[in-house]
């Protein structure tokens, strides 16, 4: 009986071989028989299909991006990443539609989440699917057409009480009060204030240069650039703040316990701020004190675009949200006074 002719090319070493061009690359499948070659091709196709599920693509994206993020950014993204993988993990990315993403985001939003949480989740899904486009698993990102629902609740910024401002000002020469007083007079974020060095104080030009921010890995202080590109900025050195600084400025970090060599460790920074609150009766957070600076800018008639620069906001809309909130508070206070009189 004549031997059956091989379906695939038989190499000089006796192995059967099939060459396929996949994504512009030659892929060789080899086996002792045609059947073994076909089994390997079927297995390879199954493996490739599994790689197009959302979860392995998300994991590859995360592993590539994680080293590029600052610690605080990574911490803020983890929950959204886990939610996205939990929901879409077993889906093939080619099967995900804009309606699928929209339905998920809408349902998630109904849980009373803030706008920031919803926007971050949608941003993570978009970035993962952008990565799928980049790796040629899909040609169009279905999440790009999806927008967050309107009228989502925003985080409410509680106003800084006038009595608390007066308490901070009244004891500004006390070293314990310098940290909150500096935030109130400069609008620094918490980490930016901890990252200030005496060399950043430019008395000749009456400026303070904000160039770095402190964040913590466990309790150890680490340095990074400010939160946004606009965070690199200079703010006015106001007379009240300048008056409490030493006549001859030293070198090193302003808030330090080793002579300015390193910023305060996390536990020490928290302990000192708690001691300030116990001594003063002030209950405000550092963010609320920073908001007090924004209120002062509004009351001084500083234009929103200038306020954006001084506060280091990436978007003018963030500044306008704060200004709108302050304006509403002012109108409500005025209404209360009018009601009392009229």
C-alpha atoms as a PDB file:
ATOM      1  CA  UNK A   1       0.000   0.000   0.000  1.00  0.00           C
ATOM      2  CA  UNK A   2       1.406   3.388  -1.006  1.00  0.00           C
ATOM      3  CA  UNK A   3       2.480   5.610   1.905  1.00  0.00           C
ATOM      4  CA  UNK A   4       0.144   8.583   2.447  1.00  0.00           C
ATOM      5  CA  UNK A   5       1.679  11.805   1.202  1.00  0.00           C
ATOM      6  CA  UNK A   6       2.491  14.301   3.966  1.00  0.00           C
ATOM      7  CA  UNK A   7       0.249  17.374   4.077  1.00  0.00           C
ATOM      8  CA  UNK A   8       3.039  19.627   5.413  1.00  0.00           C
ATOM      9  CA  UNK A   9       6.646  20.061   4.439  1.00  0.00           C
ATOM     10  CA  UNK A  10       8.938  17.332   5.748  1.00  0.00           C
ATOM     11  CA  UNK A  11      12.325  18.635   6.811  1.00  0.00           C
ATOM     12  CA  UNK A  12      15.590  16.758   6.236  1.00  0.00           C
ATOM     13  CA  UNK A  13      15.538  15.795   9.946  1.00  0.00           C
ATOM     14  CA  UNK A  14      12.154  14.113   9.437  1.00  0.00           C
ATOM     15  CA  UNK A  15      10.014  16.679  11.295  1.00  0.00           C
ATOM     16  CA  UNK A  16       6.834  17.922   9.645  1.00  0.00           C
ATOM     17  CA  UNK A  17       6.625  21.718   9.517  1.00  0.00           C
ATOM     18  CA  UNK A  18       3.979  24.346   8.758  1.00  0.00           C
ATOM     19  CA  UNK A  19       4.934  28.020   8.431  1.00  0.00           C
ATOM     20  CA  UNK A  20       2.285  30.676   9.036  1.00  0.00           C
ATOM     21  CA  UNK A  21       2.639  34.471   8.748  1.00  0.00           C
ATOM     22  CA  UNK A  22       0.965  35.992  11.796  1.00  0.00           C
ATOM     23  CA  UNK A  23       1.010  39.762  12.419  1.00  0.00           C
ATOM     24  CA  UNK A  24       3.806  40.050   9.872  1.00  0.00           C
ATOM     25  CA  UNK A  25       5.981  37.413  11.592  1.00  0.00           C
ATOM     26  CA  UNK A  26       6.846  33.844  10.558  1.00  0.00           C
ATOM     27  CA  UNK A  27       5.625  31.277  13.087  1.00  0.00           C
ATOM     28  CA  UNK A  28       6.784  27.675  12.656  1.00  0.00           C
ATOM     29  CA  UNK A  29       4.813  24.653  13.897  1.00  0.00           C
ATOM     30  CA  UNK A  30       6.733  21.340  13.934  1.00  0.00           C
ATOM     31  CA  UNK A  31       5.919  17.755  14.858  1.00  0.00           C
ATOM     32  CA  UNK A  32       6.664  14.155  14.020  1.00  0.00           C
ATOM     33  CA  UNK A  33       3.391  13.862  12.083  1.00  0.00           C
ATOM     34  CA  UNK A  34       0.898  16.139  10.315  1.00  0.00           C
ATOM     35  CA  UNK A  35      -1.562  15.464  13.152  1.00  0.00           C
ATOM     36  CA  UNK A  36       0.943  16.686  15.736  1.00  0.00           C
ATOM     37  CA  UNK A  37       1.564  19.860  13.704  1.00  0.00           C
ATOM     38  CA  UNK A  38      -2.188  20.548  13.568  1.00  0.00           C
ATOM     39  CA  UNK A  39      -2.599  19.899  17.299  1.00  0.00           C
ATOM     40  CA  UNK A  40       0.140  22.454  17.970  1.00  0.00           C
ATOM     41  CA  UNK A  41      -1.532  25.001  15.690  1.00  0.00           C
ATOM     42  CA  UNK A  42      -4.883  24.514  17.435  1.00  0.00           C
ATOM     43  CA  UNK A  43      -3.231  24.786  20.856  1.00  0.00           C
ATOM     44  CA  UNK A  44      -1.414  27.964  19.792  1.00  0.00           C
ATOM     45  CA  UNK A  45      -4.652  29.529  18.551  1.00  0.00           C
ATOM     46  CA  UNK A  46      -6.301  28.721  21.882  1.00  0.00           C
ATOM     47  CA  UNK A  47      -3.399  30.283  23.774  1.00  0.00           C
ATOM     48  CA  UNK A  48      -3.544  33.391  21.634  1.00  0.00           C
ATOM     49  CA  UNK A  49      -7.280  33.713  22.169  1.00  0.00           C
ATOM     50  CA  UNK A  50      -6.815  33.449  25.933  1.00  0.00           C
ATOM     51  CA  UNK A  51      -4.306  36.304  25.740  1.00  0.00           C
ATOM     52  CA  UNK A  52      -7.028  38.547  24.322  1.00  0.00           C
ATOM     53  CA  UNK A  53      -9.129  38.340  27.476  1.00  0.00           C
ATOM     54  CA  UNK A  54      -9.309  41.584  29.447  1.00  0.00           C
ATOM     55  CA  UNK A  55      -7.472  40.249  32.529  1.00  0.00           C
ATOM     56  CA  UNK A  56      -4.130  39.220  30.942  1.00  0.00           C
ATOM     57  CA  UNK A  57      -4.046  42.443  28.910  1.00  0.00           C
ATOM     58  CA  UNK A  58      -4.788  44.476  32.050  1.00  0.00           C
ATOM     59  CA  UNK A  59      -2.042  42.634  33.945  1.00  0.00           C
ATOM     60  CA  UNK A  60       0.481  43.306  31.181  1.00  0.00           C
ATOM     61  CA  UNK A  61      -0.501  46.997  31.136  1.00  0.00           C
ATOM     62  CA  UNK A  62      -0.263  47.246  34.940  1.00  0.00           C
ATOM     63  CA  UNK A  63       3.182  45.598  35.032  1.00  0.00           C
ATOM     64  CA  UNK A  64       4.438  47.987  32.371  1.00  0.00           C
ATOM     65  CA  UNK A  65       2.989  51.141  33.920  1.00  0.00           C
ATOM     66  CA  UNK A  66       3.442  50.448  37.662  1.00  0.00           C
ATOM     67  CA  UNK A  67       7.165  51.377  37.787  1.00  0.00           C
ATOM     68  CA  UNK A  68       6.427  54.772  36.207  1.00  0.00           C
ATOM     69  CA  UNK A  69       3.915  55.911  38.852  1.00  0.00           C
ATOM     70  CA  UNK A  70       4.613  57.718  42.086  1.00  0.00           C
ATOM     71  CA  UNK A  71       3.596  55.876  45.259  1.00  0.00           C
ATOM     72  CA  UNK A  72       0.471  57.984  45.878  1.00  0.00           C
ATOM     73  CA  UNK A  73      -0.688  57.595  42.262  1.00  0.00           C
ATOM     74  CA  UNK A  74      -0.245  53.840  42.469  1.00  0.00           C
ATOM     75  CA  UNK A  75      -2.192  53.706  45.718  1.00  0.00           C
ATOM     76  CA  UNK A  76      -5.018  55.744  44.164  1.00  0.00           C
ATOM     77  CA  UNK A  77      -5.247  53.481  41.084  1.00  0.00           C
ATOM     78  CA  UNK A  78      -5.230  50.071  42.815  1.00  0.00           C
ATOM     79  CA  UNK A  79      -8.900  49.956  43.780  1.00  0.00           C
ATOM     80  CA  UNK A  80     -10.100  51.052  40.328  1.00  0.00           C
ATOM     81  CA  UNK A  81      -7.803  48.556  38.611  1.00  0.00           C
ATOM     82  CA  UNK A  82      -9.143  45.735  40.809  1.00  0.00           C
ATOM     83  CA  UNK A  83     -12.751  46.753  40.051  1.00  0.00           C
ATOM     84  CA  UNK A  84     -12.120  46.839  36.288  1.00  0.00           C
ATOM     85  CA  UNK A  85     -10.455  43.401  36.267  1.00  0.00           C
ATOM     86  CA  UNK A  86     -13.164  41.922  38.512  1.00  0.00           C
ATOM     87  CA  UNK A  87     -15.882  43.062  36.101  1.00  0.00           C
ATOM     88  CA  UNK A  88     -14.313  42.604  32.649  1.00  0.00           C
ATOM     89  CA  UNK A  89     -11.583  40.056  33.465  1.00  0.00           C
ATOM     90  CA  UNK A  90     -12.963  37.045  31.547  1.00  0.00           C
ATOM     91  CA  UNK A  91     -14.327  39.090  28.624  1.00  0.00           C
ATOM     92  CA  UNK A  92     -12.509  39.010  25.314  1.00  0.00           C
ATOM     93  CA  UNK A  93     -11.517  42.607  24.579  1.00  0.00           C
ATOM     94  CA  UNK A  94     -12.831  42.315  21.011  1.00  0.00           C
ATOM     95  CA  UNK A  95     -16.300  41.577  22.428  1.00  0.00           C
ATOM     96  CA  UNK A  96     -16.447  44.605  24.770  1.00  0.00           C
ATOM     97  CA  UNK A  97     -18.709  47.330  23.364  1.00  0.00           C
ATOM     98  CA  UNK A  98     -19.180  50.995  24.305  1.00  0.00           C
ATOM     99  CA  UNK A  99     -22.590  50.011  25.698  1.00  0.00           C
ATOM    100  CA  UNK A 100     -20.941  47.411  27.980  1.00  0.00           C
ATOM    101  CA  UNK A 101     -18.585  50.046  29.415  1.00  0.00           C
ATOM    102  CA  UNK A 102     -21.349  52.657  29.741  1.00  0.00           C
ATOM    103  CA  UNK A 103     -23.701  50.233  31.513  1.00  0.00           C
ATOM    104  CA  UNK A 104     -20.997  49.260  33.988  1.00  0.00           C
ATOM    105  CA  UNK A 105     -20.002  52.877  34.711  1.00  0.00           C
ATOM    106  CA  UNK A 106     -23.643  53.939  35.092  1.00  0.00           C
ATOM    107  CA  UNK A 107     -24.407  51.060  37.464  1.00  0.00           C
ATOM    108  CA  UNK A 108     -21.248  51.764  39.484  1.00  0.00           C
ATOM    109  CA  UNK A 109     -22.190  55.454  39.730  1.00  0.00           C
ATOM    110  CA  UNK A 110     -25.535  54.648  41.329  1.00  0.00           C
ATOM    111  CA  UNK A 111     -23.736  53.432  44.443  1.00  0.00           C
ATOM    112  CA  UNK A 112     -23.347  57.017  45.656  1.00  0.00           C
ATOM    113  CA  UNK A 113     -19.709  57.245  44.555  1.00  0.00           C
ATOM    114  CA  UNK A 114     -18.083  60.621  44.081  1.00  0.00           C
ATOM    115  CA  UNK A 115     -17.266  61.961  40.655  1.00  0.00           C
ATOM    116  CA  UNK A 116     -13.540  61.474  41.256  1.00  0.00           C
ATOM    117  CA  UNK A 117     -13.938  57.747  41.998  1.00  0.00           C
ATOM    118  CA  UNK A 118     -16.096  57.190  38.894  1.00  0.00           C
ATOM    119  CA  UNK A 119     -13.778  59.195  36.639  1.00  0.00           C
ATOM    120  CA  UNK A 120     -10.723  57.282  37.888  1.00  0.00           C
ATOM    121  CA  UNK A 121     -12.401  53.929  37.173  1.00  0.00           C
ATOM    122  CA  UNK A 122     -13.329  55.007  33.641  1.00  0.00           C
ATOM    123  CA  UNK A 123      -9.814  56.347  33.110  1.00  0.00           C
ATOM    124  CA  UNK A 124      -8.278  52.985  34.107  1.00  0.00           C
ATOM    125  CA  UNK A 125     -10.588  51.065  31.738  1.00  0.00           C
ATOM    126  CA  UNK A 126      -9.701  53.457  28.906  1.00  0.00           C
ATOM    127  CA  UNK A 127      -5.976  53.059  29.490  1.00  0.00           C
ATOM    128  CA  UNK A 128      -6.168  49.253  29.551  1.00  0.00           C
ATOM    129  CA  UNK A 129      -8.141  49.203  26.309  1.00  0.00           C
ATOM    130  CA  UNK A 130      -5.739  51.740  24.772  1.00  0.00           C
ATOM    131  CA  UNK A 131      -3.015  49.217  25.577  1.00  0.00           C
ATOM    132  CA  UNK A 132      -5.065  46.508  23.831  1.00  0.00           C
ATOM    133  CA  UNK A 133      -5.211  48.748  20.741  1.00  0.00           C
ATOM    134  CA  UNK A 134      -1.453  49.351  20.932  1.00  0.00           C
ATOM    135  CA  UNK A 135      -0.813  45.582  21.074  1.00  0.00           C
ATOM    136  CA  UNK A 136      -3.160  45.077  18.085  1.00  0.00           C
ATOM    137  CA  UNK A 137      -5.714  42.979  19.963  1.00  0.00           C
ATOM    138  CA  UNK A 138      -8.419  45.454  18.901  1.00  0.00           C
ATOM    139  CA  UNK A 139      -8.481  48.374  16.454  1.00  0.00           C
ATOM    140  CA  UNK A 140     -10.785  50.771  18.340  1.00  0.00           C
ATOM    141  CA  UNK A 141     -11.062  51.497  22.069  1.00  0.00           C
ATOM    142  CA  UNK A 142     -14.760  51.092  23.011  1.00  0.00           C
ATOM    143  CA  UNK A 143     -14.328  53.106  26.231  1.00  0.00           C
ATOM    144  CA  UNK A 144     -13.294  56.255  24.365  1.00  0.00           C
ATOM    145  CA  UNK A 145     -16.927  56.997  23.472  1.00  0.00           C
ATOM    146  CA  UNK A 146     -18.086  56.728  27.112  1.00  0.00           C
ATOM    147  CA  UNK A 147     -18.382  59.736  29.413  1.00  0.00           C
ATOM    148  CA  UNK A 148     -19.058  59.767  33.159  1.00  0.00           C
ATOM    149  CA  UNK A 149     -22.672  60.483  34.157  1.00  0.00           C
ATOM    150  CA  UNK A 150     -23.577  64.081  34.833  1.00  0.00           C
ATOM    151  CA  UNK A 151     -24.297  65.575  38.246  1.00  0.00           C
ATOM    152  CA  UNK A 152     -22.195  63.099  40.204  1.00  0.00           C
ATOM    153  CA  UNK A 153     -21.499  64.264  43.769  1.00  0.00           C
ATOM    154  CA  UNK A 154     -18.164  65.987  44.208  1.00  0.00           C
ATOM    155  CA  UNK A 155     -16.097  65.853  47.351  1.00  0.00           C
ATOM    156  CA  UNK A 156     -17.292  68.670  49.609  1.00  0.00           C
ATOM    157  CA  UNK A 157     -14.651  71.096  50.845  1.00  0.00           C
ATOM    158  CA  UNK A 158     -15.563  72.297  54.299  1.00  0.00           C
ATOM    159  CA  UNK A 159     -14.766  75.965  54.849  1.00  0.00           C
ATOM    160  CA  UNK A 160     -12.067  76.945  57.324  1.00  0.00           C
ATOM    161  CA  UNK A 161     -13.717  78.634  60.301  1.00  0.00           C
ATOM    162  CA  UNK A 162     -12.723  82.260  60.970  1.00  0.00           C
ATOM    163  CA  UNK A 163     -12.009  81.355  64.592  1.00  0.00           C
ATOM    164  CA  UNK A 164      -9.539  78.707  63.440  1.00  0.00           C
ATOM    165  CA  UNK A 165      -7.777  81.193  61.160  1.00  0.00           C
ATOM    166  CA  UNK A 166      -7.439  83.580  64.090  1.00  0.00           C
ATOM    167  CA  UNK A 167      -6.054  80.793  66.305  1.00  0.00           C
ATOM    168  CA  UNK A 168      -3.436  79.912  63.674  1.00  0.00           C
ATOM    169  CA  UNK A 169      -2.459  83.563  63.268  1.00  0.00           C
ATOM    170  CA  UNK A 170      -2.411  84.407  66.969  1.00  0.00           C
ATOM    171  CA  UNK A 171       0.323  81.887  67.782  1.00  0.00           C
ATOM    172  CA  UNK A 172       2.270  81.983  64.532  1.00  0.00           C
ATOM    173  CA  UNK A 173       5.595  82.586  66.316  1.00  0.00           C
ATOM    174  CA  UNK A 174       5.210  79.267  68.170  1.00  0.00           C
ATOM    175  CA  UNK A 175       7.205  76.592  66.212  1.00  0.00           C
ATOM    176  CA  UNK A 176       4.273  74.203  66.588  1.00  0.00           C
ATOM    177  CA  UNK A 177       2.068  76.610  64.594  1.00  0.00           C
ATOM    178  CA  UNK A 178       4.555  77.338  61.781  1.00  0.00           C
ATOM    179  CA  UNK A 179       3.457  74.378  59.638  1.00  0.00           C
ATOM    180  CA  UNK A 180      -0.299  75.254  59.443  1.00  0.00           C
ATOM    181  CA  UNK A 181       0.516  78.974  59.248  1.00  0.00           C
ATOM    182  CA  UNK A 182       2.830  78.393  56.285  1.00  0.00           C
ATOM    183  CA  UNK A 183       0.122  76.381  54.487  1.00  0.00           C
ATOM    184  CA  UNK A 184      -2.394  79.163  55.137  1.00  0.00           C
ATOM    185  CA  UNK A 185       0.011  81.849  53.845  1.00  0.00           C
ATOM    186  CA  UNK A 186       1.230  79.948  50.766  1.00  0.00           C
ATOM    187  CA  UNK A 187      -1.553  77.533  49.769  1.00  0.00           C
ATOM    188  CA  UNK A 188       0.928  74.633  49.777  1.00  0.00           C
ATOM    189  CA  UNK A 189      -0.342  71.095  49.760  1.00  0.00           C
ATOM    190  CA  UNK A 190       0.648  68.991  52.786  1.00  0.00           C
ATOM    191  CA  UNK A 191       3.482  67.196  50.983  1.00  0.00           C
ATOM    192  CA  UNK A 192       4.686  70.411  49.324  1.00  0.00           C
ATOM    193  CA  UNK A 193       4.986  72.142  52.700  1.00  0.00           C
ATOM    194  CA  UNK A 194       6.971  69.225  54.111  1.00  0.00           C
ATOM    195  CA  UNK A 195       9.253  69.374  51.064  1.00  0.00           C
ATOM    196  CA  UNK A 196      10.135  73.067  51.393  1.00  0.00           C
ATOM    197  CA  UNK A 197      13.754  73.981  52.050  1.00  0.00           C
ATOM    198  CA  UNK A 198      15.041  77.269  53.421  1.00  0.00           C
ATOM    199  CA  UNK A 199      16.824  77.722  50.082  1.00  0.00           C
ATOM    200  CA  UNK A 200      13.367  77.931  48.441  1.00  0.00           C
ATOM    201  CA  UNK A 201      12.668  81.168  50.329  1.00  0.00           C
ATOM    202  CA  UNK A 202      13.637  84.028  47.993  1.00  0.00           C
ATOM    203  CA  UNK A 203      13.570  87.122  50.173  1.00  0.00           C
ATOM    204  CA  UNK A 204      15.110  89.341  47.490  1.00  0.00           C
ATOM    205  CA  UNK A 205      12.100  88.797  45.212  1.00  0.00           C
ATOM    206  CA  UNK A 206       9.554  88.102  48.002  1.00  0.00           C
ATOM    207  CA  UNK A 207       8.798  84.632  46.655  1.00  0.00           C
ATOM    208  CA  UNK A 208       8.677  81.031  47.822  1.00  0.00           C
ATOM    209  CA  UNK A 209       9.586  78.468  45.159  1.00  0.00           C
ATOM    210  CA  UNK A 210       7.627  75.209  45.416  1.00  0.00           C
ATOM    211  CA  UNK A 211       9.735  72.562  43.706  1.00  0.00           C
ATOM    212  CA  UNK A 212       9.161  69.226  45.407  1.00  0.00           C
ATOM    213  CA  UNK A 213       6.709  67.211  47.478  1.00  0.00           C
ATOM    214  CA  UNK A 214       7.192  64.624  50.211  1.00  0.00           C
ATOM    215  CA  UNK A 215       5.378  61.295  50.176  1.00  0.00           C
ATOM    216  CA  UNK A 216       5.869  58.267  52.380  1.00  0.00           C
ATOM    217  CA  UNK A 217       6.772  54.631  51.787  1.00  0.00           C
ATOM    218  CA  UNK A 218       5.870  53.114  55.154  1.00  0.00           C
ATOM    219  CA  UNK A 219       7.186  55.914  57.388  1.00  0.00           C
ATOM    220  CA  UNK A 220      10.216  56.936  55.351  1.00  0.00           C
ATOM    221  CA  UNK A 221       9.989  60.310  53.552  1.00  0.00           C
ATOM    222  CA  UNK A 222      10.604  60.221  49.798  1.00  0.00           C
ATOM    223  CA  UNK A 223      10.668  63.106  47.315  1.00  0.00           C
ATOM    224  CA  UNK A 224       8.858  63.641  44.038  1.00  0.00           C
ATOM    225  CA  UNK A 225       7.809  66.520  41.828  1.00  0.00           C
ATOM    226  CA  UNK A 226       4.596  68.316  42.919  1.00  0.00           C
ATOM    227  CA  UNK A 227       1.236  66.715  42.125  1.00  0.00           C
ATOM    228  CA  UNK A 228       0.897  68.342  38.692  1.00  0.00           C
ATOM    229  CA  UNK A 229       3.215  70.020  36.198  1.00  0.00           C
ATOM    230  CA  UNK A 230       1.722  73.340  37.291  1.00  0.00           C
ATOM    231  CA  UNK A 231       2.620  72.383  40.849  1.00  0.00           C
ATOM    232  CA  UNK A 232       6.135  73.657  40.114  1.00  0.00           C
ATOM    233  CA  UNK A 233       5.443  77.280  40.927  1.00  0.00           C
ATOM    234  CA  UNK A 234       6.384  80.367  42.901  1.00  0.00           C
ATOM    235  CA  UNK A 235       4.012  82.033  45.352  1.00  0.00           C
ATOM    236  CA  UNK A 236       4.322  85.406  47.092  1.00  0.00           C
ATOM    237  CA  UNK A 237       6.270  85.484  50.341  1.00  0.00           C
ATOM    238  CA  UNK A 238       3.773  87.460  52.418  1.00  0.00           C
ATOM    239  CA  UNK A 239       4.984  89.861  55.106  1.00  0.00           C
ATOM    240  CA  UNK A 240       3.339  87.981  58.002  1.00  0.00           C
ATOM    241  CA  UNK A 241       5.109  84.756  57.061  1.00  0.00           C
ATOM    242  CA  UNK A 242       8.441  86.437  56.363  1.00  0.00           C
ATOM    243  CA  UNK A 243       8.299  88.048  59.820  1.00  0.00           C
ATOM    244  CA  UNK A 244       8.272  84.655  61.581  1.00  0.00           C
ATOM    245  CA  UNK A 245      11.143  83.227  59.557  1.00  0.00           C
ATOM    246  CA  UNK A 246      14.672  83.531  61.051  1.00  0.00           C
ATOM    247  CA  UNK A 247      16.482  86.770  60.211  1.00  0.00           C
ATOM    248  CA  UNK A 248      19.319  84.718  58.726  1.00  0.00           C
ATOM    249  CA  UNK A 249      17.876  81.775  56.860  1.00  0.00           C
ATOM    250  CA  UNK A 250      19.600  78.427  57.496  1.00  0.00           C
ATOM    251  CA  UNK A 251      19.993  75.611  54.957  1.00  0.00           C
ATOM    252  CA  UNK A 252      18.037  72.388  54.597  1.00  0.00           C
ATOM    253  CA  UNK A 253      14.426  71.349  55.083  1.00  0.00           C
ATOM    254  CA  UNK A 254      12.244  73.782  57.024  1.00  0.00           C
ATOM    255  CA  UNK A 255      10.411  70.953  58.803  1.00  0.00           C
ATOM    256  CA  UNK A 256      13.076  68.536  59.987  1.00  0.00           C
ATOM    257  CA  UNK A 257      14.498  67.032  63.168  1.00  0.00           C
ATOM    258  CA  UNK A 258      18.049  66.358  62.004  1.00  0.00           C
ATOM    259  CA  UNK A 259      19.208  69.862  61.234  1.00  0.00           C
ATOM    260  CA  UNK A 260      17.480  70.079  57.863  1.00  0.00           C
ATOM    261  CA  UNK A 261      19.080  66.999  56.302  1.00  0.00           C
ATOM    262  CA  UNK A 262      15.827  65.106  55.767  1.00  0.00           C
ATOM    263  CA  UNK A 263      12.110  65.921  55.995  1.00  0.00           C
ATOM    264  CA  UNK A 264      10.029  64.740  58.944  1.00  0.00           C
ATOM    265  CA  UNK A 265       9.174  61.053  59.064  1.00  0.00           C
ATOM    266  CA  UNK A 266       5.479  60.245  58.655  1.00  0.00           C
ATOM    267  CA  UNK A 267       4.757  59.347  62.276  1.00  0.00           C
ATOM    268  CA  UNK A 268       6.536  62.450  63.558  1.00  0.00           C
ATOM    269  CA  UNK A 269       4.713  64.752  61.123  1.00  0.00           C
ATOM    270  CA  UNK A 270       1.355  63.344  62.240  1.00  0.00           C
ATOM    271  CA  UNK A 271       2.279  63.580  65.922  1.00  0.00           C
ATOM    272  CA  UNK A 272       3.334  67.243  65.633  1.00  0.00           C
ATOM    273  CA  UNK A 273       0.183  68.199  63.735  1.00  0.00           C
ATOM    274  CA  UNK A 274      -1.981  66.424  66.325  1.00  0.00           C
ATOM    275  CA  UNK A 275      -0.103  68.311  69.056  1.00  0.00           C
ATOM    276  CA  UNK A 276      -0.833  71.590  67.262  1.00  0.00           C
ATOM    277  CA  UNK A 277      -4.550  70.762  67.098  1.00  0.00           C
ATOM    278  CA  UNK A 278      -4.654  69.794  70.762  1.00  0.00           C
ATOM    279  CA  UNK A 279      -2.914  73.042  71.755  1.00  0.00           C
ATOM    280  CA  UNK A 280      -4.951  75.334  69.507  1.00  0.00           C
ATOM    281  CA  UNK A 281      -8.385  73.737  69.419  1.00  0.00           C
ATOM    282  CA  UNK A 282      -8.222  73.871  65.605  1.00  0.00           C
ATOM    283  CA  UNK A 283      -9.960  70.873  64.014  1.00  0.00           C
ATOM    284  CA  UNK A 284      -9.194  71.695  60.364  1.00  0.00           C
ATOM    285  CA  UNK A 285      -7.203  69.366  58.131  1.00  0.00           C
ATOM    286  CA  UNK A 286      -4.235  70.659  56.152  1.00  0.00           C
ATOM    287  CA  UNK A 287      -6.391  70.541  53.023  1.00  0.00           C
ATOM    288  CA  UNK A 288      -8.997  72.769  54.677  1.00  0.00           C
ATOM    289  CA  UNK A 289      -6.258  75.236  55.641  1.00  0.00           C
ATOM    290  CA  UNK A 290      -5.091  75.255  52.009  1.00  0.00           C
ATOM    291  CA  UNK A 291      -8.713  75.934  51.084  1.00  0.00           C
ATOM    292  CA  UNK A 292      -8.522  78.925  53.434  1.00  0.00           C
ATOM    293  CA  UNK A 293      -5.755  80.303  51.208  1.00  0.00           C
ATOM    294  CA  UNK A 294      -8.038  79.880  48.182  1.00  0.00           C
ATOM    295  CA  UNK A 295     -10.786  81.732  50.074  1.00  0.00           C
ATOM    296  CA  UNK A 296      -8.369  84.583  50.811  1.00  0.00           C
ATOM    297  CA  UNK A 297      -7.482  84.773  47.096  1.00  0.00           C
ATOM    298  CA  UNK A 298     -11.186  84.985  46.239  1.00  0.00           C
ATOM    299  CA  UNK A 299     -11.871  87.648  48.857  1.00  0.00           C
ATOM    300  CA  UNK A 300      -8.856  89.650  47.639  1.00  0.00           C
ATOM    301  CA  UNK A 301     -10.318  89.677  44.120  1.00  0.00           C
ATOM    302  CA  UNK A 302      -7.545  87.538  42.593  1.00  0.00           C
ATOM    303  CA  UNK A 303      -8.574  86.413  39.097  1.00  0.00           C
ATOM    304  CA  UNK A 304      -9.215  82.651  38.721  1.00  0.00           C
ATOM    305  CA  UNK A 305      -6.384  82.217  36.203  1.00  0.00           C
ATOM    306  CA  UNK A 306      -3.863  83.713  38.652  1.00  0.00           C
ATOM    307  CA  UNK A 307      -5.385  81.695  41.515  1.00  0.00           C
ATOM    308  CA  UNK A 308      -4.929  78.548  39.400  1.00  0.00           C
ATOM    309  CA  UNK A 309      -1.208  79.308  39.119  1.00  0.00           C
ATOM    310  CA  UNK A 310      -0.816  80.043  42.832  1.00  0.00           C
ATOM    311  CA  UNK A 311      -2.694  76.909  43.893  1.00  0.00           C
ATOM    312  CA  UNK A 312      -0.874  74.708  41.365  1.00  0.00           C
ATOM    313  CA  UNK A 313      -4.053  73.348  39.773  1.00  0.00           C
ATOM    314  CA  UNK A 314      -3.617  71.474  36.486  1.00  0.00           C
ATOM    315  CA  UNK A 315      -7.086  72.548  35.315  1.00  0.00           C
ATOM    316  CA  UNK A 316      -8.755  75.935  35.602  1.00  0.00           C
ATOM    317  CA  UNK A 317     -12.026  74.060  36.210  1.00  0.00           C
ATOM    318  CA  UNK A 318     -10.658  72.864  39.587  1.00  0.00           C
ATOM    319  CA  UNK A 319     -10.042  76.470  40.651  1.00  0.00           C
ATOM    320  CA  UNK A 320     -13.459  77.527  39.377  1.00  0.00           C
ATOM    321  CA  UNK A 321     -15.126  74.736  41.382  1.00  0.00           C
ATOM    322  CA  UNK A 322     -13.503  76.095  44.556  1.00  0.00           C
ATOM    323  CA  UNK A 323     -14.388  79.705  43.675  1.00  0.00           C
ATOM    324  CA  UNK A 324     -17.995  78.687  42.973  1.00  0.00           C
ATOM    325  CA  UNK A 325     -18.165  76.868  46.316  1.00  0.00           C
ATOM    326  CA  UNK A 326     -16.764  79.929  48.150  1.00  0.00           C
ATOM    327  CA  UNK A 327     -19.178  82.232  46.355  1.00  0.00           C
ATOM    328  CA  UNK A 328     -22.135  80.054  47.434  1.00  0.00           C
ATOM    329  CA  UNK A 329     -20.926  80.154  51.053  1.00  0.00           C
ATOM    330  CA  UNK A 330     -20.638  83.949  50.865  1.00  0.00           C
ATOM    331  CA  UNK A 331     -24.146  84.287  49.420  1.00  0.00           C
ATOM    332  CA  UNK A 332     -25.612  82.028  52.101  1.00  0.00           C
ATOM    333  CA  UNK A 333     -23.880  84.048  54.829  1.00  0.00           C
ATOM    334  CA  UNK A 334     -25.238  87.250  53.279  1.00  0.00           C
ATOM    335  CA  UNK A 335     -28.729  85.757  53.116  1.00  0.00           C
ATOM    336  CA  UNK A 336     -28.621  84.886  56.826  1.00  0.00           C
ATOM    337  CA  UNK A 337     -27.655  88.467  57.700  1.00  0.00           C
ATOM    338  CA  UNK A 338     -30.392  89.879  55.457  1.00  0.00           C
ATOM    339  CA  UNK A 339     -32.978  87.577  57.014  1.00  0.00           C
ATOM    340  CA  UNK A 340     -31.962  88.788  60.463  1.00  0.00           C
ATOM    341  CA  UNK A 341     -32.291  92.445  59.425  1.00  0.00           C
ATOM    342  CA  UNK A 342     -35.323  92.306  57.136  1.00  0.00           C
END
